[in-house]
Protein backbone atom coordinates (compact mmCIF):
# COMPACT_ATOMS: atom_id res chain seq x y z
CA UNK A 1 18.19 -4.13 -14.24
CA UNK A 2 17.85 -1.17 -16.60
CA UNK A 3 14.06 -1.33 -16.31
CA UNK A 4 14.34 -0.75 -12.57
CA UNK A 5 16.66 2.22 -13.03
CA UNK A 6 14.19 3.81 -15.46
CA UNK A 7 11.32 3.07 -13.05
CA UNK A 8 13.15 4.71 -10.14
CA UNK A 9 13.94 7.79 -12.22
CA UNK A 10 10.34 8.19 -13.37
CA UNK A 11 8.97 7.61 -9.87
CA UNK A 12 11.35 10.21 -8.46
CA UNK A 13 10.01 12.77 -10.94
CA UNK A 14 6.41 11.85 -10.12
CA UNK A 15 6.96 12.07 -6.35
CA UNK A 16 8.60 15.49 -6.54
CA UNK A 17 5.84 16.69 -8.88
CA UNK A 18 3.13 15.53 -6.49
CA UNK A 19 4.90 17.04 -3.49
CA UNK A 20 5.13 20.38 -5.29
CA UNK A 21 1.49 20.31 -6.34
CA UNK A 22 0.36 19.30 -2.86
CA UNK A 23 2.36 22.15 -1.34
CA UNK A 24 0.84 24.67 -3.76
CA UNK A 25 -2.72 23.39 -3.26
CA UNK A 26 -2.53 23.59 0.52
CA UNK A 27 -1.14 27.11 0.35
CA UNK A 28 2.35 26.23 1.55
CA UNK A 29 5.52 28.19 1.15
CA UNK A 30 6.02 29.56 -2.38
CA UNK A 31 9.77 29.13 -1.92
CA UNK A 32 9.35 25.42 -1.24
CA UNK A 33 7.10 25.03 -4.28
CA UNK A 34 9.68 26.80 -6.42
CA UNK A 35 12.48 24.60 -5.06
CA UNK A 36 10.45 21.43 -5.68
CA UNK A 37 9.67 22.46 -9.24
CA UNK A 38 13.37 23.11 -9.87
CA UNK A 39 14.13 19.65 -8.53
CA UNK A 40 11.45 18.24 -10.83
CA UNK A 41 13.03 19.83 -13.88
CA UNK A 42 16.46 18.49 -12.90
CA UNK A 43 15.09 15.02 -12.24
CA UNK A 44 13.25 15.07 -15.56
CA UNK A 45 16.53 15.82 -17.30
CA UNK A 46 18.23 12.95 -15.48
CA UNK A 47 15.32 10.60 -16.26
CA UNK A 48 15.46 11.47 -19.96
CA UNK A 49 19.23 10.92 -20.06
CA UNK A 50 18.78 7.54 -18.33
CA UNK A 51 16.01 6.49 -20.71
CA UNK A 52 18.03 7.51 -23.76
CA UNK A 53 21.11 5.68 -22.43
CA UNK A 54 19.09 2.51 -21.85
CA UNK A 55 17.64 2.70 -25.35
CA UNK A 56 21.08 3.30 -26.81
CA UNK A 57 22.66 0.37 -24.96
CA UNK A 58 19.84 -1.95 -25.99
CA UNK A 59 20.57 -1.03 -29.58
């Protein structure tokens, strides 16, 4: 079960990263790119916390 939680967290980071890059490459709204990159940073933090918690619980 913990493997799936880690996978979802990492995929969420990757999806937001790709959405932000795609928006920047197509010349989209700079505000949207900025918002997506902020989401990416937050999701990266959550993903790292989840990964560390899984590693800690596995001992």
